[in-house]
Amino acid sequence: MASLGVVWAPEKVVGPTQRFSFLGIELHTVQKRLRLPPERHSSLLDDIPLWLRKPKCTKRELLSIIGKLSFACKVLPAGHNFLRRLIDLSCTVSRLHYHIRLTANACADLRWWHEWLPTWDGTSLMLDLDWSHAQDLSLYTDASACGGYHNGRWFVHRWLPHQLLNR
């Protein structure tokens, strides 16, 4: 490699393997799974409860937790939905040392992370780039995902009591 003018780090070279780490994310090619390293997952489990007790923080502190959660979103894409209000809040001051009061919306997003992280094993499936079309699967559902049509048959599912919104 050196004779070709290519700079490389031998300690980063990995032989043929089904599991490897790339940009801090663990990949398992046979299981088609992505994994957040356990130390990052446990760090978030430790950090989020502390954030829920904070009435305010500096912009630098807020950007730090946003960065950690954003990294977790590489494996848990749904988490992006619960970062937006934190990001918006970080834009309310210009200097890194300025203090920001955590809003009810920001705390709601942090609560989502607090509730979700302990139940999540830190893994997700690698998404296929080739999506099947509904016509190919003969699968159609309603907006509630409780009813549908598959291969010539209708189906329905009742919401369980814990799935219903409290009224």
N, C-alpha and C. Protein backbone atom coordinates (compact mmCIF):
# COMPACT_ATOMS: atom_id res chain seq x y z
N MET A 1 0.82 -1.18 0.00
CA MET A 1 0.00 0.00 0.00
C MET A 1 0.87 1.26 0.00
N ALA A 2 1.93 1.24 0.81
CA ALA A 2 2.80 2.42 0.89
C ALA A 2 3.45 2.70 -0.46
N SER A 3 3.76 1.63 -1.21
CA SER A 3 4.39 1.83 -2.52
C SER A 3 3.45 2.52 -3.50
N LEU A 4 2.15 2.44 -3.24
CA LEU A 4 1.16 3.10 -4.08
C LEU A 4 0.86 4.52 -3.60
N GLY A 5 1.49 4.92 -2.48
CA GLY A 5 1.25 6.25 -1.95
C GLY A 5 0.02 6.35 -1.08
N VAL A 6 -0.52 5.20 -0.68
CA VAL A 6 -1.72 5.18 0.15
C VAL A 6 -1.29 5.15 1.62
N VAL A 7 -1.78 6.10 2.39
CA VAL A 7 -1.49 6.13 3.82
C VAL A 7 -2.55 5.31 4.53
N TRP A 8 -2.12 4.41 5.39
CA TRP A 8 -3.08 3.58 6.11
C TRP A 8 -2.54 3.26 7.49
N ALA A 9 -3.46 2.92 8.37
CA ALA A 9 -3.11 2.59 9.76
C ALA A 9 -3.31 1.09 9.95
N PRO A 10 -2.21 0.33 10.04
CA PRO A 10 -2.32 -1.13 10.16
C PRO A 10 -3.18 -1.58 11.35
N GLU A 11 -3.20 -0.80 12.44
CA GLU A 11 -3.99 -1.20 13.61
C GLU A 11 -5.49 -1.11 13.36
N LYS A 12 -5.87 -0.43 12.28
CA LYS A 12 -7.29 -0.32 11.94
C LYS A 12 -7.74 -1.35 10.91
N VAL A 13 -6.81 -2.11 10.39
CA VAL A 13 -7.14 -3.11 9.38
C VAL A 13 -7.75 -4.32 10.06
N VAL A 14 -8.89 -4.77 9.55
CA VAL A 14 -9.60 -5.91 10.10
C VAL A 14 -9.72 -6.94 8.99
N GLY A 15 -9.39 -8.18 9.32
CA GLY A 15 -9.51 -9.25 8.35
C GLY A 15 -10.96 -9.60 8.08
N PRO A 16 -11.20 -10.62 7.29
CA PRO A 16 -12.59 -11.01 7.03
C PRO A 16 -13.32 -11.32 8.34
N THR A 17 -14.46 -10.68 8.54
CA THR A 17 -15.23 -10.87 9.77
C THR A 17 -16.69 -10.53 9.52
N GLN A 18 -17.56 -11.09 10.34
CA GLN A 18 -18.98 -10.80 10.24
C GLN A 18 -19.40 -9.69 11.20
N ARG A 19 -18.51 -9.34 12.14
CA ARG A 19 -18.76 -8.27 13.11
C ARG A 19 -17.60 -7.29 13.09
N PHE A 20 -17.91 -6.02 13.01
CA PHE A 20 -16.86 -5.02 13.05
C PHE A 20 -17.46 -3.68 13.46
N SER A 21 -16.59 -2.77 13.82
CA SER A 21 -17.00 -1.44 14.23
C SER A 21 -16.62 -0.47 13.13
N PHE A 22 -17.56 0.39 12.75
CA PHE A 22 -17.32 1.39 11.72
C PHE A 22 -17.88 2.71 12.21
N LEU A 23 -17.01 3.70 12.33
CA LEU A 23 -17.39 5.03 12.82
C LEU A 23 -18.12 4.96 14.15
N GLY A 24 -17.68 4.03 15.00
CA GLY A 24 -18.24 3.92 16.34
C GLY A 24 -19.50 3.10 16.46
N ILE A 25 -20.01 2.58 15.36
CA ILE A 25 -21.22 1.74 15.38
C ILE A 25 -20.79 0.30 15.09
N GLU A 26 -21.28 -0.63 15.87
CA GLU A 26 -20.97 -2.03 15.65
C GLU A 26 -21.93 -2.59 14.61
N LEU A 27 -21.39 -3.29 13.62
CA LEU A 27 -22.20 -3.88 12.56
C LEU A 27 -22.05 -5.39 12.58
N HIS A 28 -23.15 -6.09 12.41
CA HIS A 28 -23.16 -7.56 12.31
C HIS A 28 -23.80 -7.88 10.96
N THR A 29 -22.98 -8.30 10.01
CA THR A 29 -23.46 -8.44 8.64
C THR A 29 -24.37 -9.64 8.43
N VAL A 30 -24.20 -10.70 9.19
CA VAL A 30 -25.05 -11.88 9.01
C VAL A 30 -26.43 -11.61 9.61
N GLN A 31 -26.47 -11.06 10.81
CA GLN A 31 -27.75 -10.76 11.46
C GLN A 31 -28.39 -9.49 10.91
N LYS A 32 -27.63 -8.73 10.11
CA LYS A 32 -28.08 -7.45 9.58
C LYS A 32 -28.53 -6.53 10.71
N ARG A 33 -27.65 -6.38 11.71
CA ARG A 33 -27.97 -5.56 12.87
C ARG A 33 -26.90 -4.50 13.08
N LEU A 34 -27.36 -3.35 13.56
CA LEU A 34 -26.49 -2.28 14.01
C LEU A 34 -26.58 -2.25 15.52
N ARG A 35 -25.48 -1.87 16.18
CA ARG A 35 -25.50 -1.82 17.64
C ARG A 35 -24.76 -0.59 18.13
N LEU A 36 -25.41 0.11 19.04
CA LEU A 36 -24.76 1.20 19.75
C LEU A 36 -23.84 0.55 20.78
N PRO A 37 -22.57 0.93 20.82
CA PRO A 37 -21.67 0.29 21.79
C PRO A 37 -22.25 0.39 23.21
N PRO A 38 -22.16 -0.69 23.97
CA PRO A 38 -22.76 -0.73 25.31
C PRO A 38 -22.33 0.43 26.21
N GLU A 39 -21.07 0.86 26.10
CA GLU A 39 -20.63 1.96 26.98
C GLU A 39 -21.33 3.27 26.63
N ARG A 40 -21.66 3.48 25.36
CA ARG A 40 -22.41 4.69 24.97
C ARG A 40 -23.86 4.59 25.44
N HIS A 41 -24.43 3.41 25.32
CA HIS A 41 -25.80 3.19 25.76
C HIS A 41 -25.91 3.44 27.27
N SER A 42 -24.99 2.86 28.04
CA SER A 42 -25.06 3.03 29.50
C SER A 42 -24.74 4.46 29.90
N SER A 43 -23.90 5.14 29.14
CA SER A 43 -23.61 6.55 29.42
C SER A 43 -24.89 7.39 29.29
N LEU A 44 -25.67 7.12 28.25
CA LEU A 44 -26.94 7.84 28.08
C LEU A 44 -27.92 7.50 29.20
N LEU A 45 -27.94 6.23 29.61
CA LEU A 45 -28.82 5.83 30.71
C LEU A 45 -28.47 6.58 31.99
N ASP A 46 -27.19 6.88 32.17
CA ASP A 46 -26.74 7.64 33.35
C ASP A 46 -27.03 9.12 33.20
N ASP A 47 -26.83 9.67 31.99
CA ASP A 47 -26.94 11.11 31.76
C ASP A 47 -28.37 11.64 31.77
N ILE A 48 -29.29 10.94 31.14
CA ILE A 48 -30.65 11.47 30.96
C ILE A 48 -31.35 11.78 32.28
N PRO A 49 -31.31 10.90 33.29
CA PRO A 49 -31.96 11.26 34.56
C PRO A 49 -31.40 12.54 35.17
N LEU A 50 -30.11 12.77 35.01
CA LEU A 50 -29.51 14.01 35.52
C LEU A 50 -30.07 15.22 34.78
N TRP A 51 -30.28 15.07 33.49
CA TRP A 51 -30.83 16.18 32.69
C TRP A 51 -32.27 16.49 33.08
N LEU A 52 -33.01 15.49 33.47
CA LEU A 52 -34.41 15.72 33.85
C LEU A 52 -34.53 16.52 35.14
N ARG A 53 -33.47 16.58 35.92
CA ARG A 53 -33.48 17.34 37.17
C ARG A 53 -32.91 18.76 37.00
N LYS A 54 -32.39 19.06 35.81
CA LYS A 54 -31.77 20.37 35.59
C LYS A 54 -32.83 21.40 35.18
N PRO A 55 -32.86 22.54 35.84
CA PRO A 55 -33.76 23.60 35.37
C PRO A 55 -33.15 24.40 34.22
N LYS A 56 -31.80 24.45 34.19
CA LYS A 56 -31.12 25.19 33.12
C LYS A 56 -29.74 24.59 32.89
N CYS A 57 -29.12 25.01 31.80
CA CYS A 57 -27.80 24.51 31.43
C CYS A 57 -27.14 25.54 30.53
N THR A 58 -25.87 25.33 30.23
CA THR A 58 -25.22 26.21 29.25
C THR A 58 -25.47 25.63 27.86
N LYS A 59 -25.27 26.47 26.86
CA LYS A 59 -25.43 25.99 25.48
C LYS A 59 -24.45 24.86 25.21
N ARG A 60 -23.22 24.97 25.74
CA ARG A 60 -22.21 23.92 25.54
C ARG A 60 -22.69 22.58 26.09
N GLU A 61 -23.29 22.59 27.29
CA GLU A 61 -23.80 21.36 27.89
C GLU A 61 -24.94 20.78 27.06
N LEU A 62 -25.83 21.64 26.61
CA LEU A 62 -26.96 21.18 25.79
C LEU A 62 -26.48 20.57 24.49
N LEU A 63 -25.51 21.22 23.84
CA LEU A 63 -24.97 20.68 22.59
C LEU A 63 -24.29 19.34 22.82
N SER A 64 -23.70 19.16 23.98
CA SER A 64 -23.05 17.89 24.30
C SER A 64 -24.06 16.75 24.36
N ILE A 65 -25.17 16.95 25.08
CA ILE A 65 -26.17 15.87 25.17
C ILE A 65 -26.86 15.67 23.82
N ILE A 66 -27.05 16.75 23.06
CA ILE A 66 -27.63 16.61 21.71
C ILE A 66 -26.70 15.76 20.85
N GLY A 67 -25.41 15.98 20.96
CA GLY A 67 -24.45 15.19 20.18
C GLY A 67 -24.49 13.72 20.54
N LYS A 68 -24.59 13.42 21.84
CA LYS A 68 -24.66 12.02 22.28
C LYS A 68 -25.93 11.35 21.78
N LEU A 69 -27.05 12.08 21.89
CA LEU A 69 -28.32 11.52 21.43
C LEU A 69 -28.36 11.39 19.91
N SER A 70 -27.76 12.34 19.23
CA SER A 70 -27.70 12.29 17.77
C SER A 70 -26.90 11.07 17.32
N PHE A 71 -25.82 10.78 18.02
CA PHE A 71 -25.04 9.58 17.69
C PHE A 71 -25.89 8.33 17.88
N ALA A 72 -26.67 8.27 18.96
CA ALA A 72 -27.55 7.12 19.20
C ALA A 72 -28.58 6.98 18.07
N CYS A 73 -28.96 8.10 17.47
CA CYS A 73 -29.93 8.08 16.37
C CYS A 73 -29.39 7.41 15.11
N LYS A 74 -28.09 7.21 15.04
CA LYS A 74 -27.52 6.47 13.90
C LYS A 74 -28.02 5.03 13.94
N VAL A 75 -28.32 4.56 15.13
CA VAL A 75 -28.84 3.20 15.31
C VAL A 75 -30.34 3.21 15.56
N LEU A 76 -30.83 4.29 16.17
CA LEU A 76 -32.25 4.43 16.51
C LEU A 76 -32.83 5.63 15.78
N PRO A 77 -33.12 5.49 14.47
CA PRO A 77 -33.57 6.65 13.69
C PRO A 77 -34.81 7.35 14.24
N ALA A 78 -35.69 6.64 14.91
CA ALA A 78 -36.90 7.28 15.45
C ALA A 78 -36.55 8.33 16.50
N GLY A 79 -35.37 8.25 17.07
CA GLY A 79 -34.95 9.21 18.07
C GLY A 79 -34.82 10.62 17.53
N HIS A 80 -34.61 10.76 16.22
CA HIS A 80 -34.49 12.10 15.63
C HIS A 80 -35.72 12.95 15.93
N ASN A 81 -36.88 12.32 16.00
CA ASN A 81 -38.11 13.04 16.30
C ASN A 81 -38.07 13.70 17.67
N PHE A 82 -37.24 13.16 18.56
CA PHE A 82 -37.18 13.66 19.93
C PHE A 82 -35.89 14.42 20.20
N LEU A 83 -35.31 14.95 19.15
CA LEU A 83 -34.13 15.81 19.24
C LEU A 83 -34.44 17.22 18.76
N ARG A 84 -35.41 17.35 17.90
CA ARG A 84 -35.68 18.62 17.24
C ARG A 84 -35.87 19.78 18.22
N ARG A 85 -36.68 19.56 19.24
CA ARG A 85 -36.95 20.67 20.17
C ARG A 85 -35.72 21.01 21.02
N LEU A 86 -34.87 20.02 21.27
CA LEU A 86 -33.61 20.30 21.97
C LEU A 86 -32.68 21.13 21.07
N ILE A 87 -32.64 20.77 19.80
CA ILE A 87 -31.81 21.52 18.84
C ILE A 87 -32.33 22.94 18.71
N ASP A 88 -33.65 23.08 18.57
CA ASP A 88 -34.24 24.42 18.48
C ASP A 88 -33.91 25.26 19.72
N LEU A 89 -33.97 24.64 20.89
CA LEU A 89 -33.66 25.34 22.13
C LEU A 89 -32.20 25.80 22.15
N SER A 90 -31.31 24.98 21.60
CA SER A 90 -29.89 25.36 21.59
C SER A 90 -29.63 26.58 20.71
N CYS A 91 -30.53 26.86 19.80
CA CYS A 91 -30.37 28.01 18.89
C CYS A 91 -30.88 29.32 19.49
N THR A 92 -31.40 29.25 20.71
CA THR A 92 -31.97 30.47 21.30
C THR A 92 -30.92 31.40 21.89
N VAL A 93 -29.70 30.92 22.08
CA VAL A 93 -28.60 31.79 22.55
C VAL A 93 -27.42 31.62 21.61
N SER A 94 -26.58 32.65 21.57
CA SER A 94 -25.48 32.62 20.61
C SER A 94 -24.17 32.09 21.18
N ARG A 95 -23.87 32.35 22.42
CA ARG A 95 -22.58 31.99 23.01
C ARG A 95 -22.66 30.67 23.77
N LEU A 96 -21.58 29.90 23.71
CA LEU A 96 -21.55 28.58 24.36
C LEU A 96 -21.68 28.66 25.88
N HIS A 97 -21.26 29.74 26.49
CA HIS A 97 -21.32 29.84 27.95
C HIS A 97 -22.63 30.45 28.45
N TYR A 98 -23.51 30.89 27.56
CA TYR A 98 -24.80 31.44 27.96
C TYR A 98 -25.69 30.33 28.53
N HIS A 99 -26.50 30.71 29.50
CA HIS A 99 -27.41 29.74 30.11
C HIS A 99 -28.76 29.71 29.38
N ILE A 100 -29.34 28.52 29.38
CA ILE A 100 -30.63 28.29 28.73
C ILE A 100 -31.53 27.59 29.74
N ARG A 101 -32.75 28.08 29.88
CA ARG A 101 -33.73 27.41 30.74
C ARG A 101 -34.37 26.28 29.92
N LEU A 102 -34.41 25.10 30.48
CA LEU A 102 -34.99 23.95 29.78
C LEU A 102 -36.52 24.10 29.76
N THR A 103 -37.09 24.14 28.58
CA THR A 103 -38.53 24.33 28.41
C THR A 103 -39.28 23.02 28.67
N ALA A 104 -40.58 23.14 28.81
CA ALA A 104 -41.42 21.95 28.99
C ALA A 104 -41.29 21.01 27.79
N ASN A 105 -41.19 21.58 26.59
CA ASN A 105 -41.05 20.76 25.38
C ASN A 105 -39.71 20.02 25.36
N ALA A 106 -38.65 20.69 25.74
CA ALA A 106 -37.33 20.04 25.79
C ALA A 106 -37.35 18.91 26.82
N CYS A 107 -37.97 19.16 27.96
CA CYS A 107 -38.07 18.13 29.00
C CYS A 107 -38.93 16.96 28.53
N ALA A 108 -39.95 17.23 27.73
CA ALA A 108 -40.79 16.15 27.18
C ALA A 108 -39.95 15.25 26.28
N ASP A 109 -39.09 15.85 25.47
CA ASP A 109 -38.21 15.05 24.61
C ASP A 109 -37.24 14.24 25.46
N LEU A 110 -36.68 14.83 26.48
CA LEU A 110 -35.76 14.11 27.37
C LEU A 110 -36.49 12.97 28.09
N ARG A 111 -37.75 13.19 28.45
CA ARG A 111 -38.53 12.12 29.10
C ARG A 111 -38.73 10.94 28.15
N TRP A 112 -38.94 11.24 26.85
CA TRP A 112 -39.07 10.15 25.89
C TRP A 112 -37.80 9.30 25.91
N TRP A 113 -36.66 9.93 25.86
CA TRP A 113 -35.39 9.20 25.90
C TRP A 113 -35.27 8.43 27.21
N HIS A 114 -35.69 9.04 28.30
CA HIS A 114 -35.60 8.42 29.62
C HIS A 114 -36.47 7.15 29.69
N GLU A 115 -37.63 7.20 29.04
CA GLU A 115 -38.52 6.04 29.04
C GLU A 115 -38.09 4.98 28.04
N TRP A 116 -37.55 5.41 26.91
CA TRP A 116 -37.23 4.47 25.84
C TRP A 116 -35.91 3.75 26.05
N LEU A 117 -34.86 4.48 26.46
CA LEU A 117 -33.52 3.90 26.55
C LEU A 117 -33.43 2.63 27.40
N PRO A 118 -34.07 2.58 28.58
CA PRO A 118 -33.95 1.35 29.38
C PRO A 118 -34.60 0.13 28.73
N THR A 119 -35.57 0.34 27.85
CA THR A 119 -36.26 -0.79 27.22
C THR A 119 -35.59 -1.22 25.91
N TRP A 120 -34.67 -0.40 25.41
CA TRP A 120 -34.02 -0.65 24.13
C TRP A 120 -32.71 -1.39 24.35
N ASP A 121 -32.46 -2.41 23.56
CA ASP A 121 -31.23 -3.20 23.73
C ASP A 121 -30.03 -2.61 22.99
N GLY A 122 -30.19 -1.45 22.38
CA GLY A 122 -29.08 -0.80 21.71
C GLY A 122 -28.86 -1.25 20.28
N THR A 123 -29.78 -2.08 19.76
CA THR A 123 -29.61 -2.59 18.40
C THR A 123 -30.78 -2.19 17.51
N SER A 124 -30.55 -2.25 16.23
CA SER A 124 -31.62 -2.09 15.24
C SER A 124 -31.23 -2.87 14.00
N LEU A 125 -32.19 -3.11 13.16
CA LEU A 125 -31.94 -3.84 11.92
C LEU A 125 -31.40 -2.91 10.86
N MET A 126 -30.51 -3.43 10.03
CA MET A 126 -30.06 -2.66 8.87
C MET A 126 -31.21 -2.62 7.89
N LEU A 127 -31.52 -1.45 7.40
CA LEU A 127 -32.63 -1.32 6.46
C LEU A 127 -32.20 -1.75 5.07
N ASP A 128 -33.06 -2.50 4.41
CA ASP A 128 -32.80 -2.88 3.03
C ASP A 128 -33.02 -1.68 2.12
N LEU A 129 -32.18 -1.55 1.13
CA LEU A 129 -32.34 -0.46 0.18
C LEU A 129 -33.43 -0.79 -0.84
N ASP A 130 -33.67 -2.07 -1.07
CA ASP A 130 -34.70 -2.48 -2.02
C ASP A 130 -36.00 -2.74 -1.27
N TRP A 131 -36.91 -1.78 -1.34
CA TRP A 131 -38.20 -1.91 -0.66
C TRP A 131 -39.17 -2.64 -1.56
N SER A 132 -39.99 -3.48 -0.95
CA SER A 132 -41.05 -4.15 -1.69
C SER A 132 -42.24 -3.21 -1.77
N HIS A 133 -42.93 -3.25 -2.87
CA HIS A 133 -44.12 -2.43 -3.05
C HIS A 133 -45.33 -3.17 -2.51
N ALA A 134 -46.34 -2.41 -2.07
CA ALA A 134 -47.55 -3.01 -1.51
C ALA A 134 -48.19 -3.99 -2.49
N GLN A 135 -48.14 -3.66 -3.78
CA GLN A 135 -48.74 -4.55 -4.78
C GLN A 135 -48.03 -5.90 -4.80
N ASP A 136 -46.71 -5.89 -4.65
CA ASP A 136 -45.95 -7.14 -4.66
C ASP A 136 -46.27 -8.00 -3.44
N LEU A 137 -46.48 -7.35 -2.31
CA LEU A 137 -46.78 -8.07 -1.08
C LEU A 137 -48.26 -8.37 -0.93
N SER A 138 -49.07 -7.65 -1.70
CA SER A 138 -50.52 -7.71 -1.56
C SER A 138 -50.89 -7.40 -0.11
N LEU A 139 -50.31 -6.32 0.42
CA LEU A 139 -50.53 -5.92 1.80
C LEU A 139 -50.94 -4.47 1.84
N TYR A 140 -52.09 -4.21 2.45
CA TYR A 140 -52.62 -2.86 2.59
C TYR A 140 -53.17 -2.72 4.01
N THR A 141 -52.90 -1.58 4.66
CA THR A 141 -53.40 -1.37 6.01
C THR A 141 -54.12 -0.03 6.09
N ASP A 142 -54.92 0.10 7.14
CA ASP A 142 -55.57 1.39 7.37
C ASP A 142 -54.62 2.29 8.17
N ALA A 143 -55.03 3.51 8.41
CA ALA A 143 -54.16 4.48 9.09
C ALA A 143 -53.85 4.08 10.52
N SER A 144 -54.69 3.32 11.16
CA SER A 144 -54.46 2.94 12.55
C SER A 144 -53.57 1.71 12.66
N ALA A 145 -53.29 1.08 11.54
CA ALA A 145 -52.50 -0.16 11.49
C ALA A 145 -53.18 -1.29 12.27
N CYS A 146 -54.49 -1.17 12.44
CA CYS A 146 -55.23 -2.21 13.15
C CYS A 146 -56.07 -3.06 12.22
N GLY A 147 -56.07 -2.71 10.99
CA GLY A 147 -56.84 -3.49 10.04
C GLY A 147 -56.16 -3.44 8.69
N GLY A 148 -56.45 -4.44 7.88
CA GLY A 148 -55.82 -4.45 6.57
C GLY A 148 -56.25 -5.61 5.72
N TYR A 149 -55.53 -5.75 4.63
CA TYR A 149 -55.82 -6.76 3.62
C TYR A 149 -54.50 -7.37 3.20
N HIS A 150 -54.40 -8.71 3.24
CA HIS A 150 -53.16 -9.38 2.85
C HIS A 150 -53.49 -10.67 2.10
N ASN A 151 -52.97 -10.77 0.89
CA ASN A 151 -53.15 -11.97 0.06
C ASN A 151 -54.59 -12.45 0.00
N GLY A 152 -55.51 -11.52 -0.26
CA GLY A 152 -56.90 -11.88 -0.45
C GLY A 152 -57.70 -12.04 0.82
N ARG A 153 -57.12 -11.74 1.98
CA ARG A 153 -57.83 -11.90 3.24
C ARG A 153 -57.78 -10.61 4.04
N TRP A 154 -58.90 -10.26 4.66
CA TRP A 154 -58.98 -9.11 5.54
C TRP A 154 -58.56 -9.52 6.94
N PHE A 155 -57.98 -8.60 7.69
CA PHE A 155 -57.64 -8.88 9.09
C PHE A 155 -57.92 -7.63 9.92
N VAL A 156 -58.12 -7.86 11.22
CA VAL A 156 -58.36 -6.76 12.15
C VAL A 156 -57.68 -7.11 13.48
N HIS A 157 -57.25 -6.09 14.16
CA HIS A 157 -56.60 -6.25 15.46
C HIS A 157 -57.22 -5.25 16.42
N ARG A 158 -57.55 -5.69 17.60
CA ARG A 158 -58.10 -4.78 18.60
C ARG A 158 -56.95 -4.15 19.39
N TRP A 159 -57.09 -2.84 19.66
CA TRP A 159 -56.11 -2.18 20.50
C TRP A 159 -56.21 -2.74 21.91
N LEU A 160 -55.09 -3.00 22.52
CA LEU A 160 -55.07 -3.46 23.91
C LEU A 160 -55.27 -2.25 24.82
N PRO A 161 -55.82 -2.45 26.02
CA PRO A 161 -56.11 -1.31 26.90
C PRO A 161 -54.90 -0.38 27.13
N HIS A 162 -53.70 -0.93 27.27
CA HIS A 162 -52.53 -0.08 27.52
C HIS A 162 -52.09 0.70 26.28
N GLN A 163 -52.64 0.35 25.11
CA GLN A 163 -52.30 1.05 23.87
C GLN A 163 -53.23 2.24 23.60
N LEU A 164 -54.35 2.29 24.30
CA LEU A 164 -55.33 3.35 24.09
C LEU A 164 -54.91 4.64 24.79
N LEU A 165 -55.24 5.76 24.19
CA LEU A 165 -54.98 7.05 24.85
C LEU A 165 -55.92 7.21 26.02
N ASN A 166 -55.39 7.74 27.10
CA ASN A 166 -56.25 8.03 28.27
C ASN A 166 -57.13 9.22 27.94
N ARG A 167 -58.38 9.09 28.22
CA ARG A 167 -59.30 10.20 27.92
C ARG A 167 -59.85 10.76 29.21
